[in-house]
Amino acid sequence: MVACTFLATTRALVTYRCASTEMGAIAGRKGVGDGAGRRNRRSEETIATILAATEDIILRSGSDRVSILEVCEKAEVSRGTFYRYFSSQGDLLDAFSCHKRDNFHSALLVAAQVTEDPDSRFRAVVAYLEAYLESGQARRLLKVAPEYALGFFQRIFHDSVLRLQDVLAIVFDAWDARLGIRIDRELVCEMMIRYVLSEQLAPRGPTQRERSSRIESLILGLVSRRLGFMSNEFS
């Protein structure tokens, strides 16, 4: 409950921070000097508007239907302004993918940092994954732009597993000490990410509470099974 409430109140902040990181990199292509800070802030706002317009078009019509002209009209910017930041449609879609990836990873980090207690952190991460699934945006993207969505999932998969290992490090440390074993952290995180992806492809439609229990049961089952294997090896 605490984690879900925290996510609800920080979602806008997380989105802003992630967008600022990505947009800052794009805006940074411009020169520096007097007034550069003000120009970069304006650039970041313009890039945010362009990316928001891109997302709206993709979710409505699919990635194949994204045209620079339509993006400019939706964002209310000139094509000259667009080309100041993006060299082509492909460049725009690449930037949009990075933007969405960074949003996911940064929000995951914010959700995890709500607590240093290992068990609470695990539940907070599960709550974040619930909220991500509940939003349905990734599933909508899969429906309207399946090829683009599948490519996006493939690109972020390995990095997501690594990021999840980082944010759950104190959880795994606590479980290792509690159970007296070395948990396969990569396997656990891989299964969590695969579960999220499977819910996009074939949602079972449970409530958040049921989904939370399923995720926890999945992970704790893996841990218990590993403990059982080790017990058999030494029996």
Protein backbone atom coordinates (compact mmCIF):
# COMPACT_ATOMS: atom_id res chain seq x y z
CA MET A 1 0.00 0.00 0.00
CA VAL A 2 2.79 2.41 0.93
CA ALA A 3 4.69 1.59 -2.24
CA CYS A 4 1.63 2.06 -4.44
CA THR A 5 0.82 5.41 -2.82
CA PHE A 6 4.41 6.52 -3.23
CA LEU A 7 4.39 5.55 -6.89
CA ALA A 8 1.19 7.46 -7.51
CA THR A 9 2.57 10.67 -6.03
CA THR A 10 5.99 10.43 -7.71
CA ARG A 11 5.03 9.22 -11.19
CA ALA A 12 5.04 12.75 -12.63
CA LEU A 13 8.36 13.56 -10.94
CA VAL A 14 9.97 10.38 -12.25
CA THR A 15 8.74 11.09 -15.77
CA TYR A 16 10.17 14.60 -15.58
CA ARG A 17 13.54 13.40 -14.31
CA CYS A 18 13.84 10.70 -16.98
CA ALA A 19 12.78 13.06 -19.72
CA SER A 20 15.26 15.66 -18.49
CA THR A 21 18.13 13.16 -18.69
CA GLU A 22 17.29 12.06 -22.23
CA MET A 23 16.37 15.53 -23.43
CA GLY A 24 19.44 17.03 -21.82
CA ALA A 25 21.61 14.71 -23.89
CA ILE A 26 19.83 15.73 -27.09
CA ALA A 27 19.78 19.41 -26.21
CA GLY A 28 23.47 19.18 -25.33
CA ARG A 29 24.26 18.85 -29.03
CA LYS A 30 23.95 22.66 -29.10
CA GLY A 31 26.86 24.92 -28.22
CA VAL A 32 27.61 26.31 -24.78
CA GLY A 33 28.19 29.88 -23.69
CA ASP A 34 26.25 32.80 -22.25
CA GLY A 35 22.58 31.90 -22.11
CA ALA A 36 23.25 28.24 -22.93
CA GLY A 37 21.44 27.12 -19.78
CA ARG A 38 18.30 29.01 -20.75
CA ARG A 39 18.51 27.69 -24.30
CA ASN A 40 18.91 24.13 -23.04
CA ARG A 41 15.85 24.46 -20.82
CA ARG A 42 13.83 25.66 -23.78
CA SER A 43 15.30 22.86 -25.87
CA GLU A 44 14.32 20.25 -23.28
CA GLU A 45 10.76 21.59 -23.24
CA THR A 46 10.61 21.41 -27.03
CA ILE A 47 12.02 17.88 -27.09
CA ALA A 48 9.52 16.82 -24.41
CA THR A 49 6.69 18.15 -26.56
CA ILE A 50 8.00 16.32 -29.63
CA LEU A 51 8.39 13.02 -27.74
CA ALA A 52 4.91 13.37 -26.22
CA ALA A 53 3.47 13.95 -29.69
CA THR A 54 5.38 10.93 -30.98
CA GLU A 55 4.00 8.73 -28.22
CA ASP A 56 0.45 9.89 -28.89
CA ILE A 57 0.78 9.08 -32.60
CA ILE A 58 2.41 5.69 -31.99
CA LEU A 59 -0.25 4.62 -29.48
CA ARG A 60 -2.99 5.77 -31.82
CA SER A 61 -1.69 4.65 -35.20
CA GLY A 62 1.46 2.55 -34.75
CA SER A 63 5.12 3.31 -35.37
CA ASP A 64 4.84 2.81 -39.14
CA ARG A 65 2.41 5.71 -39.34
CA VAL A 66 4.69 8.21 -37.62
CA SER A 67 5.53 11.01 -40.03
CA ILE A 68 7.70 14.00 -39.29
CA LEU A 69 5.00 16.31 -40.64
CA GLU A 70 2.34 14.86 -38.32
CA VAL A 71 4.69 15.00 -35.33
CA CYS A 72 5.45 18.64 -36.05
CA GLU A 73 1.75 19.46 -36.38
CA LYS A 74 0.90 17.60 -33.18
CA ALA A 75 3.77 19.21 -31.25
CA GLU A 76 3.10 22.59 -32.87
CA VAL A 77 6.71 23.05 -33.95
CA SER A 78 8.21 23.81 -37.34
CA ARG A 79 10.13 21.21 -39.31
CA GLY A 80 13.20 23.40 -38.91
CA THR A 81 12.83 23.13 -35.14
CA PHE A 82 12.33 19.37 -35.40
CA TYR A 83 15.51 18.90 -37.44
CA ARG A 84 17.43 20.93 -34.91
CA TYR A 85 17.15 17.94 -32.56
CA PHE A 86 16.39 14.89 -34.74
CA SER A 87 18.02 14.07 -38.04
CA SER A 88 15.32 11.69 -39.28
CA GLN A 89 12.27 9.63 -38.39
CA GLY A 90 14.60 6.80 -37.36
CA ASP A 91 16.54 9.12 -35.07
CA LEU A 92 13.26 10.22 -33.48
CA LEU A 93 12.11 6.63 -32.89
CA ASP A 94 15.49 5.70 -31.40
CA ALA A 95 15.29 8.66 -29.03
CA PHE A 96 11.73 7.72 -28.12
CA SER A 97 12.81 4.15 -27.30
CA CYS A 98 15.62 5.43 -25.07
CA HIS A 99 13.19 7.82 -23.42
CA LYS A 100 10.73 5.02 -22.58
CA ARG A 101 13.51 2.69 -21.42
CA ASP A 102 14.98 5.31 -19.10
CA ASN A 103 11.52 6.11 -17.74
CA PHE A 104 11.00 2.46 -16.81
CA HIS A 105 14.40 2.04 -15.18
CA SER A 106 14.36 5.34 -13.29
CA ALA A 107 10.85 4.73 -11.96
CA LEU A 108 11.99 1.28 -10.82
CA LEU A 109 14.88 2.88 -8.92
CA VAL A 110 12.63 5.48 -7.30
CA ALA A 111 10.18 2.78 -6.22
CA ALA A 112 12.95 0.69 -4.68
CA GLN A 113 14.54 3.59 -2.81
CA VAL A 114 11.38 4.22 -0.81
CA THR A 115 12.83 1.93 1.87
CA GLU A 116 16.08 0.27 2.94
CA ASP A 117 14.27 -2.65 4.60
CA PRO A 118 14.88 -5.70 2.37
CA ASP A 119 11.40 -7.20 2.58
CA SER A 120 9.72 -3.82 2.13
CA ARG A 121 11.95 -3.05 -0.84
CA PHE A 122 11.00 -6.33 -2.51
CA ARG A 123 7.31 -5.53 -2.03
CA ALA A 124 7.88 -1.99 -3.33
CA VAL A 125 9.49 -3.34 -6.50
CA VAL A 126 6.63 -5.80 -6.96
CA ALA A 127 4.19 -2.91 -6.47
CA TYR A 128 5.99 -0.94 -9.18
CA LEU A 129 5.80 -3.86 -11.60
CA GLU A 130 2.09 -4.14 -10.77
CA ALA A 131 1.57 -0.46 -11.51
CA TYR A 132 3.47 -0.81 -14.79
CA LEU A 133 1.27 -3.72 -15.86
CA GLU A 134 -1.87 -1.99 -14.63
CA SER A 135 -1.19 1.09 -16.77
CA GLY A 136 -1.60 -1.09 -19.87
CA GLN A 137 0.46 1.29 -22.02
CA ALA A 138 3.02 -1.31 -23.07
CA ARG A 139 0.22 -3.72 -23.99
CA ARG A 140 -1.46 -1.00 -26.03
CA LEU A 141 1.83 -0.35 -27.82
CA LEU A 142 2.08 -4.07 -28.57
CA LYS A 143 -1.37 -4.03 -30.15
CA VAL A 144 -0.90 -1.00 -32.38
CA ALA A 145 2.82 -1.43 -33.18
CA PRO A 146 3.71 -5.10 -32.56
CA GLU A 147 7.00 -5.14 -34.48
CA TYR A 148 8.22 -1.96 -32.81
CA ALA A 149 7.07 -3.14 -29.35
CA LEU A 150 8.75 -6.55 -29.66
CA GLY A 151 11.97 -4.90 -30.77
CA PHE A 152 11.75 -2.53 -27.82
CA PHE A 153 11.21 -5.40 -25.36
CA GLN A 154 14.21 -7.24 -26.80
CA ARG A 155 16.43 -4.15 -26.53
CA ILE A 156 15.62 -3.47 -22.89
CA PHE A 157 15.49 -7.07 -21.64
CA HIS A 158 19.12 -7.65 -20.64
CA ASP A 159 19.56 -4.14 -19.26
CA SER A 160 16.35 -4.50 -17.23
CA VAL A 161 17.63 -7.72 -15.66
CA LEU A 162 20.86 -5.97 -14.66
CA ARG A 163 19.02 -2.92 -13.27
CA LEU A 164 16.71 -5.16 -11.26
CA GLN A 165 19.69 -6.98 -9.76
CA ASP A 166 21.09 -3.63 -8.64
CA VAL A 167 17.93 -2.37 -6.96
CA LEU A 168 17.29 -5.74 -5.28
CA ALA A 169 20.88 -6.18 -4.07
CA ILE A 170 20.01 -5.57 -0.40
CA VAL A 171 17.08 -7.96 -0.74
CA PHE A 172 19.28 -10.74 -2.09
CA ASP A 173 21.92 -10.05 0.56
CA ALA A 174 19.27 -10.46 3.27
CA TRP A 175 17.87 -13.63 1.70
CA ASP A 176 21.35 -15.12 1.36
CA ALA A 177 22.05 -14.47 5.05
CA ARG A 178 18.63 -15.69 6.15
CA LEU A 179 18.68 -18.91 4.14
CA GLY A 180 22.39 -19.62 4.27
CA ILE A 181 22.67 -19.98 0.50
CA ARG A 182 23.79 -17.96 -2.50
CA ILE A 183 20.71 -17.12 -4.53
CA ASP A 184 21.02 -17.05 -8.32
CA ARG A 185 20.22 -13.35 -8.60
CA GLU A 186 20.34 -13.18 -12.36
CA LEU A 187 17.87 -16.07 -12.66
CA VAL A 188 15.42 -14.51 -10.19
CA CYS A 189 15.54 -11.12 -11.93
CA GLU A 190 15.27 -12.70 -15.35
CA MET A 191 12.15 -14.58 -14.27
CA MET A 192 10.60 -11.37 -12.92
CA ILE A 193 11.21 -9.51 -16.18
CA ARG A 194 9.99 -12.49 -18.23
CA TYR A 195 6.83 -12.55 -16.14
CA VAL A 196 6.19 -8.89 -16.91
CA LEU A 197 6.74 -9.51 -20.62
CA SER A 198 4.49 -12.58 -20.60
CA GLU A 199 1.71 -10.48 -19.07
CA GLN A 200 2.02 -8.13 -22.05
CA LEU A 201 1.70 -10.98 -24.53
CA ALA A 202 -0.91 -13.11 -22.76
CA PRO A 203 -2.53 -11.26 -19.83
CA ARG A 204 -4.45 -13.45 -17.43
CA GLY A 205 -6.48 -10.55 -16.10
CA PRO A 206 -6.00 -10.91 -12.32
CA THR A 207 -6.41 -8.06 -9.88
CA GLN A 208 -3.34 -6.23 -8.58
CA ARG A 209 -3.48 -8.17 -5.32
CA GLU A 210 -3.64 -11.51 -7.15
CA ARG A 211 -0.82 -10.48 -9.45
CA SER A 212 1.31 -9.39 -6.50
CA SER A 213 0.80 -12.76 -4.83
CA ARG A 214 1.68 -14.53 -8.07
CA ILE A 215 4.93 -12.61 -8.49
CA GLU A 216 5.94 -13.17 -4.88
CA SER A 217 5.02 -16.86 -5.08
CA LEU A 218 7.03 -17.22 -8.29
CA ILE A 219 10.18 -15.71 -6.80
CA LEU A 220 9.92 -17.32 -3.38
CA GLY A 221 9.21 -20.63 -5.11
CA LEU A 222 12.45 -20.31 -7.07
CA VAL A 223 14.36 -19.53 -3.89
CA SER A 224 12.79 -22.43 -2.00
CA ARG A 225 13.44 -24.83 -4.88
CA ARG A 226 17.08 -23.81 -4.95
CA LEU A 227 17.30 -24.37 -1.20
CA GLY A 228 15.72 -27.80 -1.63
CA PHE A 229 18.23 -28.77 -4.33
CA MET A 230 21.11 -27.81 -2.08
CA SER A 231 19.66 -29.80 0.82
CA ASN A 232 19.42 -32.89 -1.40
CA GLU A 233 23.01 -32.45 -2.54
CA PHE A 234 24.28 -32.55 1.04
CA SER A 235 21.90 -35.21 2.37
